Amino acid sequence: MIDSLKNKEQIKILFVCLGNICRSPAAEGMMKAVVACGGDESRWIIDSAGTGDYHIGDLPDYRMRAHAQRRGLNLTHHCRQVRESDFDNFDIIIAMDASNERNLRRIAPTPEAEDKIMQMSCWFDDSVTGYDYVPDPYYEGAEGFELVLDLLENACANMYKALSAK
């Protein structure tokens, strides 16, 4: 699947966590920044959603916005829930952890749709140790948000490099 995306005119990625207020909007913002640095914005469609319906319409968590802002990321996404149509509209659907991956697999309308699901940790390189998922920082302190942003920065850079036509 990854090789077939390299030659596409547009690559459409959906990042997914539970509430769409911390990890997935941060991944969306981070990926947009990475793509912008590569001058490749027109080729990428990047969005995020949650498997839960807890925060629909809200901005991301204020703590995640504050930590992201310190890195130059402005998270303005309004939270939404994953829809069955997302499986038609996106090439890759990236879960932040195994629980969200399971939820996505339950939602997927077809086996082909299910094949689009992967975990964000698939994009970590060897510098990431001790994590095979992106932990939820919601109940953590500042270091939890910084860890998530570090992990997302690593994964997004690797994803861009792997999928970039350049």
Protein backbone atom coordinates (compact mmCIF):
# COMPACT_ATOMS: atom_id res chain seq x y z
CA MET A 1 0.00 0.00 0.00
CA ILE A 2 2.75 2.48 0.93
CA ASP A 3 4.57 2.11 -2.40
CA SER A 4 1.37 2.76 -4.35
CA LEU A 5 0.89 6.08 -2.53
CA LYS A 6 4.27 7.47 -3.61
CA ASN A 7 3.06 8.04 -7.15
CA LYS A 8 -0.41 9.39 -6.33
CA GLU A 9 -1.22 12.98 -7.20
CA GLN A 10 -2.70 13.42 -3.73
CA ILE A 11 -2.17 11.54 -0.50
CA LYS A 12 -5.05 11.66 1.98
CA ILE A 13 -4.28 10.85 5.61
CA LEU A 14 -6.61 10.72 8.61
CA PHE A 15 -5.11 10.63 12.11
CA VAL A 16 -7.33 9.08 14.79
CA CYS A 17 -7.34 8.99 18.60
CA LEU A 18 -10.15 8.62 21.13
CA GLY A 19 -11.53 12.13 21.62
CA ASN A 20 -9.77 14.06 18.83
CA ILE A 21 -8.55 16.66 21.31
CA CYS A 22 -4.90 15.75 21.95
CA ARG A 23 -3.00 13.22 19.87
CA SER A 24 -4.77 13.20 16.52
CA PRO A 25 -5.13 16.99 16.09
CA ALA A 26 -1.48 17.32 17.14
CA ALA A 27 -0.54 14.70 14.52
CA GLU A 28 -2.58 16.61 11.94
CA GLY A 29 -0.81 19.87 12.82
CA MET A 30 2.62 18.23 12.92
CA MET A 31 2.13 16.51 9.56
CA LYS A 32 0.91 19.74 7.97
CA ALA A 33 4.05 21.49 9.25
CA VAL A 34 6.33 18.74 7.94
CA VAL A 35 4.62 18.82 4.54
CA ALA A 36 4.82 22.63 4.44
CA CYS A 37 8.56 22.48 5.13
CA GLY A 38 8.84 20.23 2.10
CA GLY A 39 6.83 22.69 0.00
CA ASP A 40 4.41 19.90 -0.85
CA GLU A 41 1.09 21.14 0.61
CA SER A 42 -0.95 20.76 -2.58
CA ARG A 43 -0.24 17.05 -2.71
CA TRP A 44 -1.49 16.22 0.78
CA ILE A 45 -4.91 16.20 2.44
CA ILE A 46 -4.50 15.82 6.19
CA ASP A 47 -7.28 15.59 8.78
CA SER A 48 -8.00 14.08 12.18
CA ALA A 49 -10.95 12.54 14.01
CA GLY A 50 -11.83 10.61 17.14
CA THR A 51 -13.46 7.25 17.65
CA GLY A 52 -15.49 8.73 20.51
CA ASP A 53 -18.11 11.46 20.33
CA TYR A 54 -17.10 13.30 23.50
CA HIS A 55 -15.79 16.61 22.14
CA ILE A 56 -17.44 17.15 18.75
CA GLY A 57 -17.02 20.75 17.62
CA ASP A 58 -14.46 21.65 20.30
CA LEU A 59 -10.96 22.91 19.68
CA PRO A 60 -8.14 20.60 20.81
CA ASP A 61 -7.30 20.50 24.52
CA TYR A 62 -5.86 23.85 25.64
CA ARG A 63 -2.74 22.15 27.04
CA MET A 64 -1.99 20.46 23.72
CA ARG A 65 -2.55 23.74 21.90
CA ALA A 66 -0.15 25.51 24.28
CA HIS A 67 2.60 22.90 23.93
CA ALA A 68 2.14 22.74 20.17
CA GLN A 69 2.25 26.55 19.93
CA ARG A 70 5.70 26.51 21.56
CA ARG A 71 6.82 24.43 18.56
CA GLY A 72 5.20 26.78 16.07
CA LEU A 73 2.09 24.64 15.51
CA ASN A 74 -1.31 26.33 15.59
CA LEU A 75 -3.95 23.65 16.25
CA THR A 76 -7.25 25.06 14.98
CA HIS A 77 -8.98 21.79 14.09
CA HIS A 78 -12.52 21.33 15.44
CA CYS A 79 -13.03 17.86 16.86
CA ARG A 80 -15.15 15.38 14.96
CA GLN A 81 -15.95 11.70 15.10
CA VAL A 82 -14.76 9.15 12.55
CA ARG A 83 -17.38 8.44 9.90
CA GLU A 84 -17.78 5.37 7.72
CA SER A 85 -17.26 7.64 4.70
CA ASP A 86 -13.73 8.43 5.95
CA PHE A 87 -12.72 4.99 4.73
CA ASP A 88 -13.65 6.07 1.19
CA ASN A 89 -12.16 9.54 1.50
CA PHE A 90 -8.71 8.71 2.91
CA ASP A 91 -5.83 6.55 1.69
CA ILE A 92 -4.41 5.84 5.15
CA ILE A 93 -6.15 5.95 8.52
CA ILE A 94 -3.64 6.13 11.34
CA ALA A 95 -4.55 5.09 14.88
CA MET A 96 -2.59 6.42 17.83
CA ASP A 97 -2.82 3.17 19.80
CA ALA A 98 -4.14 -0.40 19.72
CA SER A 99 -7.48 0.50 21.29
CA ASN A 100 -8.25 3.05 18.59
CA GLU A 101 -7.05 0.62 15.95
CA ARG A 102 -9.56 -1.97 17.23
CA ASN A 103 -12.33 0.64 17.22
CA LEU A 104 -11.47 1.61 13.65
CA ARG A 105 -11.48 -2.02 12.52
CA ARG A 106 -15.00 -2.37 13.95
CA ILE A 107 -16.13 0.71 12.01
CA ALA A 108 -14.48 -0.24 8.71
CA PRO A 109 -17.24 -1.11 6.22
CA THR A 110 -15.18 -3.52 4.09
CA PRO A 111 -11.98 -5.58 4.23
CA GLU A 112 -10.43 -3.11 1.76
CA ALA A 113 -11.30 -0.25 4.09
CA GLU A 114 -9.78 -2.14 7.00
CA ASP A 115 -6.54 -2.51 5.03
CA LYS A 116 -6.11 1.29 5.21
CA ILE A 117 -5.71 1.22 9.01
CA MET A 118 -2.29 1.27 10.63
CA GLN A 119 -0.79 2.47 13.89
CA MET A 120 1.28 5.64 14.14
CA SER A 121 4.06 3.62 15.75
CA CYS A 122 4.69 1.95 12.38
CA TRP A 123 6.39 5.20 11.42
CA PHE A 124 8.69 5.47 14.46
CA ASP A 125 12.37 5.08 13.67
CA ASP A 126 15.03 3.39 15.78
CA SER A 127 15.54 6.50 17.90
CA VAL A 128 12.15 5.86 19.55
CA THR A 129 12.55 3.32 22.31
CA GLY A 130 10.06 2.12 24.86
CA TYR A 131 6.93 3.06 22.86
CA ASP A 132 4.91 1.01 20.41
CA TYR A 133 2.00 3.49 20.52
CA VAL A 134 1.38 7.19 21.11
CA PRO A 135 0.29 7.52 24.76
CA ASP A 136 -2.70 9.65 25.70
CA PRO A 137 -1.39 12.74 27.55
CA TYR A 138 -4.84 13.82 28.80
CA TYR A 139 -4.22 12.82 32.43
CA GLU A 140 -0.50 13.58 32.36
CA GLY A 141 1.47 16.70 33.09
CA ALA A 142 3.48 18.87 30.71
CA GLU A 143 5.98 16.10 30.05
CA GLY A 144 3.20 13.88 28.66
CA PHE A 145 2.28 16.48 26.04
CA GLU A 146 5.92 17.05 25.14
CA LEU A 147 6.49 13.29 24.77
CA VAL A 148 3.51 13.00 22.43
CA LEU A 149 4.77 15.88 20.30
CA ASP A 150 8.26 14.32 20.16
CA LEU A 151 6.81 10.98 19.05
CA LEU A 152 4.57 12.63 16.46
CA GLU A 153 7.41 14.73 15.10
CA ASN A 154 9.50 11.59 14.60
CA ALA A 155 6.70 9.61 12.96
CA CYS A 156 5.47 12.43 10.72
CA ALA A 157 8.96 13.16 9.40
CA ASN A 158 9.45 9.48 8.61
CA MET A 159 6.03 9.20 6.99
CA TYR A 160 6.68 12.22 4.79
CA LYS A 161 10.06 10.89 3.74
CA ALA A 162 8.62 7.47 2.91
CA LEU A 163 5.62 8.78 0.96
CA SER A 164 7.17 11.84 -0.65
CA ALA A 165 7.61 11.76 -4.39
CA LYS A 166 10.75 13.87 -3.99
